[in-house]
Amino acid sequence: MFTVLTSESLIVLKMISVSESHTKKARPGQMIGGGPCYVLLSLGQIELVQEIREIVAAAADKDAG
């Protein structure tokens, strides 16, 4: 499953914490489990998306800069 994120979604991704049921210490875009799955917040729902490292990295770079 892939989700197309707008720049607005990426802002939400950075600002809102990840589902408590996964891990209370997780951050948006952080790798969880043993695979390349990221927890992304899109349209109010938590979704697992694979192979989207570039978008997550871009969001992190914007946040850091």
N, C-alpha and C. Protein backbone atom coordinates (compact mmCIF):
# COMPACT_ATOMS: atom_id res chain seq x y z
N MET A 1 0.83 -1.19 0.00
CA MET A 1 0.00 0.00 0.00
C MET A 1 0.87 1.25 0.00
N PHE A 2 0.56 2.18 -0.88
CA PHE A 2 1.31 3.42 -0.93
C PHE A 2 0.37 4.60 -0.73
N THR A 3 0.86 5.61 -0.10
CA THR A 3 0.06 6.81 0.12
C THR A 3 0.79 8.01 -0.43
N VAL A 4 0.12 8.80 -1.25
CA VAL A 4 0.72 10.03 -1.76
C VAL A 4 0.49 11.13 -0.74
N LEU A 5 1.59 11.72 -0.28
CA LEU A 5 1.49 12.75 0.74
C LEU A 5 1.75 14.12 0.15
N THR A 6 0.91 15.07 0.51
CA THR A 6 1.15 16.44 0.11
C THR A 6 2.06 17.09 1.14
N SER A 7 2.57 18.26 0.82
CA SER A 7 3.43 18.96 1.77
C SER A 7 2.67 19.23 3.07
N GLU A 8 1.38 19.46 2.97
CA GLU A 8 0.54 19.68 4.15
C GLU A 8 0.53 18.43 5.04
N SER A 9 0.43 17.27 4.40
CA SER A 9 0.44 16.01 5.14
C SER A 9 1.76 15.80 5.86
N LEU A 10 2.85 16.22 5.21
CA LEU A 10 4.16 16.05 5.83
C LEU A 10 4.30 16.90 7.08
N ILE A 11 3.69 18.09 7.06
CA ILE A 11 3.71 18.95 8.24
C ILE A 11 2.97 18.26 9.38
N VAL A 12 1.82 17.68 9.07
CA VAL A 12 1.05 16.95 10.07
C VAL A 12 1.86 15.76 10.58
N LEU A 13 2.54 15.08 9.66
CA LEU A 13 3.37 13.93 9.98
C LEU A 13 4.42 14.29 11.03
N LYS A 14 4.99 15.47 10.91
CA LYS A 14 6.05 15.88 11.81
C LYS A 14 5.50 16.36 13.16
N MET A 15 4.29 16.89 13.16
CA MET A 15 3.78 17.54 14.36
C MET A 15 3.03 16.59 15.29
N ILE A 16 2.40 15.55 14.74
CA ILE A 16 1.54 14.69 15.55
C ILE A 16 2.25 13.37 15.86
N SER A 17 2.16 12.94 17.10
CA SER A 17 2.84 11.73 17.54
C SER A 17 2.17 10.48 16.98
N VAL A 18 2.92 9.39 17.00
CA VAL A 18 2.46 8.12 16.46
C VAL A 18 1.53 7.42 17.44
N SER A 19 0.72 6.54 16.92
CA SER A 19 -0.21 5.75 17.72
C SER A 19 0.44 5.15 18.96
N GLU A 20 -0.19 5.31 20.10
CA GLU A 20 0.34 4.78 21.34
C GLU A 20 0.40 3.25 21.34
N SER A 21 -0.49 2.64 20.59
CA SER A 21 -0.55 1.18 20.59
C SER A 21 0.70 0.56 19.97
N HIS A 22 1.36 1.27 19.06
CA HIS A 22 2.60 0.76 18.49
C HIS A 22 3.74 0.90 19.48
N THR A 23 4.06 2.13 19.81
CA THR A 23 5.09 2.37 20.81
C THR A 23 5.01 3.81 21.25
N LYS A 24 5.01 4.04 22.54
CA LYS A 24 4.83 5.38 23.07
C LYS A 24 6.01 6.29 22.75
N LYS A 25 7.16 5.69 22.47
CA LYS A 25 8.36 6.49 22.23
C LYS A 25 8.62 6.74 20.75
N ALA A 26 7.79 6.18 19.88
CA ALA A 26 8.01 6.33 18.45
C ALA A 26 7.76 7.76 17.99
N ARG A 27 8.46 8.14 16.93
CA ARG A 27 8.25 9.45 16.33
C ARG A 27 7.76 9.27 14.91
N PRO A 28 7.05 10.24 14.34
CA PRO A 28 6.60 10.13 12.96
C PRO A 28 7.77 9.89 12.02
N GLY A 29 7.64 8.92 11.14
CA GLY A 29 8.68 8.62 10.17
C GLY A 29 9.73 7.65 10.68
N GLN A 30 9.66 7.29 11.95
CA GLN A 30 10.64 6.38 12.52
C GLN A 30 10.40 4.95 12.06
N MET A 31 11.47 4.21 11.79
CA MET A 31 11.32 2.81 11.41
C MET A 31 10.85 2.00 12.61
N ILE A 32 9.91 1.08 12.36
CA ILE A 32 9.44 0.21 13.42
C ILE A 32 9.54 -1.23 12.94
N GLY A 33 9.61 -2.17 13.86
CA GLY A 33 9.69 -3.57 13.48
C GLY A 33 11.01 -3.87 12.78
N GLY A 34 11.04 -4.97 12.02
CA GLY A 34 12.27 -5.40 11.38
C GLY A 34 12.37 -5.00 9.92
N GLY A 35 11.32 -4.41 9.37
CA GLY A 35 11.31 -4.10 7.94
C GLY A 35 11.30 -2.61 7.66
N PRO A 36 11.40 -2.23 6.40
CA PRO A 36 11.42 -0.82 5.99
C PRO A 36 10.03 -0.21 5.97
N CYS A 37 9.33 -0.31 7.09
CA CYS A 37 7.99 0.27 7.19
C CYS A 37 8.04 1.51 8.06
N TYR A 38 7.41 2.56 7.62
CA TYR A 38 7.35 3.79 8.38
C TYR A 38 5.92 4.04 8.84
N VAL A 39 5.80 4.61 10.01
CA VAL A 39 4.48 5.01 10.48
C VAL A 39 4.23 6.43 9.98
N LEU A 40 3.25 6.56 9.12
CA LEU A 40 2.93 7.87 8.56
C LEU A 40 1.51 8.25 8.95
N LEU A 41 1.34 9.52 9.21
CA LEU A 41 0.01 10.00 9.55
C LEU A 41 -0.58 10.73 8.35
N SER A 42 -1.67 10.21 7.83
CA SER A 42 -2.29 10.80 6.65
C SER A 42 -3.80 10.79 6.83
N LEU A 43 -4.42 11.95 6.71
CA LEU A 43 -5.86 12.08 6.82
C LEU A 43 -6.40 11.50 8.12
N GLY A 44 -5.62 11.66 9.20
CA GLY A 44 -6.08 11.22 10.51
C GLY A 44 -5.94 9.74 10.77
N GLN A 45 -5.32 9.00 9.84
CA GLN A 45 -5.17 7.56 10.03
C GLN A 45 -3.70 7.17 10.02
N ILE A 46 -3.34 6.18 10.85
CA ILE A 46 -1.99 5.66 10.86
C ILE A 46 -1.89 4.59 9.78
N GLU A 47 -0.88 4.71 8.91
CA GLU A 47 -0.72 3.74 7.84
C GLU A 47 0.73 3.30 7.77
N LEU A 48 0.96 2.04 7.45
CA LEU A 48 2.30 1.53 7.25
C LEU A 48 2.62 1.61 5.76
N VAL A 49 3.68 2.31 5.43
CA VAL A 49 4.04 2.50 4.03
C VAL A 49 5.49 2.07 3.83
N GLN A 50 5.72 1.24 2.82
CA GLN A 50 7.07 0.78 2.53
C GLN A 50 7.70 1.61 1.42
N GLU A 51 9.03 1.64 1.42
CA GLU A 51 9.81 2.27 0.36
C GLU A 51 9.42 3.73 0.14
N ILE A 52 9.34 4.48 1.22
CA ILE A 52 8.99 5.89 1.11
C ILE A 52 9.98 6.72 1.91
N ARG A 53 11.19 6.15 2.05
CA ARG A 53 12.25 6.77 2.84
C ARG A 53 12.56 8.19 2.38
N GLU A 54 12.53 8.41 1.08
CA GLU A 54 12.92 9.71 0.54
C GLU A 54 11.98 10.81 1.02
N ILE A 55 10.68 10.54 1.03
CA ILE A 55 9.71 11.53 1.48
C ILE A 55 9.88 11.81 2.96
N VAL A 56 10.09 10.75 3.73
CA VAL A 56 10.29 10.90 5.17
C VAL A 56 11.57 11.69 5.44
N ALA A 57 12.63 11.37 4.71
CA ALA A 57 13.90 12.07 4.87
C ALA A 57 13.76 13.54 4.51
N ALA A 58 13.00 13.84 3.46
CA ALA A 58 12.78 15.22 3.06
C ALA A 58 12.04 15.99 4.15
N ALA A 59 11.08 15.35 4.78
CA ALA A 59 10.34 15.98 5.87
C ALA A 59 11.26 16.26 7.05
N ALA A 60 12.13 15.30 7.35
CA ALA A 60 13.07 15.46 8.45
C ALA A 60 14.05 16.60 8.17
N ASP A 61 14.50 16.69 6.91
CA ASP A 61 15.42 17.76 6.53
C ASP A 61 14.77 19.13 6.67
N LYS A 62 13.51 19.24 6.26
CA LYS A 62 12.79 20.51 6.40
C LYS A 62 12.64 20.88 7.87
N ASP A 63 12.35 19.87 8.69
CA ASP A 63 12.16 20.10 10.11
C ASP A 63 13.47 20.54 10.77
N ALA A 64 14.57 19.94 10.35
CA ALA A 64 15.88 20.27 10.93
C ALA A 64 16.36 21.64 10.45
N GLY A 65 16.00 21.98 9.22
CA GLY A 65 16.47 23.23 8.64
C GLY A 65 15.57 24.36 9.01
